Structures are given as C-alpha cells and as structure tokens.
N, C-alpha and C. Protein backbone atom coordinates (compact mmCIF):
# COMPACT_ATOMS: atom_id res chain seq x y z
N MET A 1 206.09 107.09 179.18
CA MET A 1 206.63 106.45 180.25
C MET A 1 206.71 105.19 180.32
N PRO A 2 207.26 104.08 180.61
CA PRO A 2 207.29 102.88 180.28
C PRO A 2 206.55 102.23 181.31
N TRP A 3 206.05 100.95 181.24
CA TRP A 3 205.19 100.34 182.26
C TRP A 3 205.74 99.96 183.56
N PHE A 4 207.15 99.94 183.47
CA PHE A 4 207.98 99.24 184.74
C PHE A 4 208.57 100.69 185.35
N GLY A 5 208.30 101.55 185.14
CA GLY A 5 208.96 103.22 185.69
C GLY A 5 210.06 103.44 184.88
N LEU A 6 210.99 104.07 185.69
CA LEU A 6 211.97 104.80 185.27
C LEU A 6 213.22 103.99 184.41
N TRP A 7 213.16 102.42 185.31
CA TRP A 7 214.36 101.51 184.77
C TRP A 7 214.10 100.97 183.68
N GLY A 8 212.89 100.89 183.18
CA GLY A 8 212.52 100.04 182.41
C GLY A 8 211.89 98.64 182.87
N THR A 9 212.46 97.65 182.18
CA THR A 9 212.15 96.14 182.93
C THR A 9 213.19 95.45 183.52
N THR A 10 213.63 96.41 184.54
CA THR A 10 214.87 95.52 185.11
C THR A 10 214.20 94.54 186.15
N GLY A 11 212.92 94.69 187.03
CA GLY A 11 212.51 93.80 187.58
C GLY A 11 211.47 92.81 187.07
N SER A 12 211.55 92.90 185.79
CA SER A 12 210.59 91.97 185.32
C SER A 12 211.05 90.46 185.19
N ALA A 13 212.45 90.51 185.43
CA ALA A 13 213.05 89.03 185.56
C ALA A 13 212.36 88.29 186.79
N PHE A 14 212.14 88.78 187.57
CA PHE A 14 211.55 87.94 188.84
C PHE A 14 210.27 88.06 189.27
N TRP A 15 209.56 88.11 188.03
CA TRP A 15 207.93 88.41 188.28
C TRP A 15 207.23 87.11 189.17
N TRP A 16 208.13 86.04 188.97
CA TRP A 16 207.48 84.63 189.26
C TRP A 16 207.85 84.48 191.09
N VAL A 17 208.38 85.66 191.63
CA VAL A 17 208.66 85.34 193.10
C VAL A 17 207.46 85.26 193.85
N LEU A 18 206.59 86.68 193.89
CA LEU A 18 205.52 87.18 194.26
C LEU A 18 204.34 85.79 194.06
N PRO A 19 203.97 85.38 193.07
CA PRO A 19 203.05 84.31 192.97
C PRO A 19 203.50 82.91 193.68
N LEU A 20 204.82 82.78 193.41
CA LEU A 20 205.47 81.81 194.39
C LEU A 20 205.18 81.67 195.74
N ILE A 21 205.28 82.94 196.38
CA ILE A 21 205.32 82.98 198.20
C ILE A 21 203.86 83.10 198.16
N GLY A 22 202.97 83.77 197.29
CA GLY A 22 201.74 83.47 197.38
C GLY A 22 201.32 82.08 197.65
N LEU A 23 201.55 81.25 196.62
CA LEU A 23 201.24 79.92 196.55
C LEU A 23 201.67 79.08 197.87
N VAL A 24 202.85 79.43 198.25
CA VAL A 24 203.50 78.75 199.72
C VAL A 24 202.55 79.21 200.83
N PHE A 25 202.44 80.45 200.78
CA PHE A 25 201.49 81.01 202.00
C PHE A 25 200.09 80.15 202.07
N MET A 26 199.45 80.03 200.79
CA MET A 26 198.04 79.37 200.62
C MET A 26 198.27 78.01 200.92
N SER A 27 199.13 77.24 200.36
CA SER A 27 199.51 75.70 200.99
C SER A 27 199.55 75.47 202.54
N VAL A 28 200.55 76.75 202.79
CA VAL A 28 200.76 76.48 204.30
C VAL A 28 199.29 76.72 204.96
N MET A 29 198.61 77.80 204.78
CA MET A 29 197.38 77.85 205.61
C MET A 29 196.56 76.63 205.33
N PHE A 30 196.44 76.07 203.93
CA PHE A 30 195.59 75.15 203.72
C PHE A 30 195.73 73.70 204.91
N PHE A 31 197.08 73.49 204.97
CA PHE A 31 197.56 72.33 205.50
C PHE A 31 197.19 72.59 207.02
N VAL A 32 197.62 73.88 207.32
CA VAL A 32 197.16 74.23 208.78
C VAL A 32 195.73 73.73 209.20
N CYS A 33 194.69 74.32 208.32
CA CYS A 33 193.39 74.16 208.54
C CYS A 33 192.99 72.98 208.72
N PHE A 34 193.41 72.09 207.74
CA PHE A 34 192.95 70.75 207.52
C PHE A 34 193.68 69.79 208.22
N ARG A 35 194.78 70.24 209.00
CA ARG A 35 195.47 69.11 209.79
C ARG A 35 194.97 69.28 211.42
N SER A 36 194.38 70.59 211.66
CA SER A 36 193.64 70.76 212.89
C SER A 36 192.08 71.00 212.92
N PHE A 37 191.78 69.92 211.87
CA PHE A 37 190.28 70.02 211.33
C PHE A 37 189.44 69.81 212.43
N GLY A 38 189.60 69.07 213.57
CA GLY A 38 188.94 68.61 214.44
C GLY A 38 188.84 69.93 215.57
N LEU A 39 189.70 70.69 215.42
CA LEU A 39 189.60 71.96 216.00
C LEU A 39 189.22 73.26 215.57
N GLY A 40 189.18 73.26 214.41
CA GLY A 40 188.74 74.26 213.38
C GLY A 40 189.50 75.39 212.97
N CYS A 41 189.53 75.95 211.93
CA CYS A 41 190.68 76.90 211.42
C CYS A 41 190.55 78.26 212.72
N MET A 42 189.47 78.42 213.27
CA MET A 42 189.73 79.45 214.32
C MET A 42 190.22 78.94 215.57
N GLY A 43 190.38 77.74 215.69
CA GLY A 43 191.31 77.51 217.03
C GLY A 43 190.30 77.26 218.19
N GLY A 44 189.41 76.56 218.02
CA GLY A 44 188.24 76.16 218.79
C GLY A 44 188.83 75.02 219.58
N ARG A 45 188.18 74.59 220.64
CA ARG A 45 188.63 73.70 221.41
C ARG A 45 187.63 72.70 221.64
N GLN A 46 188.15 71.74 222.13
CA GLN A 46 187.32 70.21 222.36
C GLN A 46 186.35 70.45 223.41
N ARG A 47 185.11 69.92 223.31
CA ARG A 47 184.14 70.17 224.40
C ARG A 47 184.07 69.07 225.36
N THR A 48 183.99 68.64 226.68
CA THR A 48 183.75 67.64 227.19
C THR A 48 182.47 67.16 227.34
N SER A 49 182.08 66.04 227.58
CA SER A 49 180.88 65.47 227.83
C SER A 49 179.85 66.08 228.33
N SER A 50 180.55 66.85 229.57
CA SER A 50 179.41 67.31 230.67
C SER A 50 179.09 68.86 229.98
N GLU A 51 180.24 69.30 229.15
CA GLU A 51 179.77 70.74 228.76
C GLU A 51 178.49 70.39 227.57
N ILE A 52 178.80 69.50 226.83
CA ILE A 52 177.73 68.86 225.95
C ILE A 52 176.18 68.62 226.48
N SER A 53 176.11 67.80 227.41
CA SER A 53 175.14 67.67 228.24
C SER A 53 174.34 68.72 228.70
N ASP A 54 175.19 69.45 229.12
CA ASP A 54 174.59 71.16 229.78
C ASP A 54 173.93 71.74 228.76
N LEU A 55 174.84 71.87 227.44
CA LEU A 55 174.27 72.50 226.37
C LEU A 55 172.96 71.67 225.87
N ARG A 56 172.85 70.55 225.67
CA ARG A 56 171.42 70.03 225.38
C ARG A 56 170.57 70.34 226.21
N HIS A 57 170.80 70.12 227.67
CA HIS A 57 169.81 70.66 228.54
C HIS A 57 169.33 72.16 228.36
N GLN A 58 170.32 72.87 228.19
CA GLN A 58 170.06 74.48 228.03
C GLN A 58 168.96 74.40 226.66
N VAL A 59 169.25 73.84 225.53
CA VAL A 59 168.44 73.95 224.53
C VAL A 59 167.14 73.51 224.70
N GLU A 60 167.03 72.33 225.49
CA GLU A 60 165.87 71.75 225.92
C GLU A 60 164.85 72.84 226.45
N SER A 61 165.76 73.51 227.58
CA SER A 61 164.79 74.25 228.42
C SER A 61 164.38 75.61 227.55
N LEU A 62 165.04 75.80 226.66
CA LEU A 62 164.57 77.30 225.61
C LEU A 62 163.73 76.63 224.94
N LYS A 63 163.54 75.53 224.01
CA LYS A 63 162.93 74.78 223.36
C LYS A 63 161.27 75.01 224.20
N GLU A 64 161.50 74.51 225.41
CA GLU A 64 160.16 74.87 226.01
C GLU A 64 159.65 75.93 226.63
N ASP A 65 160.69 77.05 226.70
CA ASP A 65 160.08 78.16 226.93
C ASP A 65 159.20 78.66 225.62
N VAL A 66 160.09 78.51 224.69
CA VAL A 66 159.51 79.00 223.10
C VAL A 66 158.11 78.44 223.02
N ARG A 67 158.11 77.18 223.27
CA ARG A 67 156.71 76.41 223.11
C ARG A 67 155.49 77.36 224.31
N LYS A 68 155.93 77.53 225.35
CA LYS A 68 155.04 78.06 226.36
C LYS A 68 154.73 79.91 225.99
N LEU A 69 155.46 80.50 225.06
CA LEU A 69 155.38 81.64 224.64
C LEU A 69 154.75 81.89 223.36
N VAL A 70 154.60 80.52 222.66
CA VAL A 70 153.91 80.89 221.25
C VAL A 70 152.58 80.35 221.24
N PRO A 71 151.65 80.92 220.76
CA PRO A 71 150.16 80.81 221.21
C PRO A 71 149.51 79.54 220.41
N GLN A 72 149.05 78.54 221.01
CA GLN A 72 149.04 77.37 220.45
C GLN A 72 147.41 77.43 219.73
N PRO A 73 147.47 77.02 218.49
CA PRO A 73 146.05 77.00 217.76
C PRO A 73 144.95 76.40 218.45
N LYS A 74 143.74 76.57 218.45
CA LYS A 74 142.83 75.97 218.80
C LYS A 74 142.08 75.30 217.70
C-alpha cells in the first residue's frame, strides 16, 4: 500500500499549502498579541488610578495581617 493512499501521490503537489496557512495564522496571532501589548494577549483591561491605589491599600493591609499572624522571634 502506498504512503499517500489509494491514489498514490495526487495530493502531494500541494504539500506547501498547510504549512503556509500555519505560518500566516502564527504571524497574525503574533501581530495581534504585540499590537495590544498594553492590554495583553488575554484581553485584559487598563486599570484606573483609583483601582491601583485600592489594590495597594489592600496589599498593605494583608502584609500587616501576615505580620500579626507570624510569631516574632524573641
């Protein structure tokens, strides 16, 4: 049995089409990801300054809570 099925090598003339489609798809995805680099590839959103300050306050309060829970060496 031949490698290319019952018809032999009839489909081997267009072997370059699938790699070409793959390269085009990869280049489009590369362009989309780096075009929206500020948003990230997963479609994130920009945070406002009030959200950032709220997150900083939450992180500081969590750090204080951890300091209270961890026993201090004597």
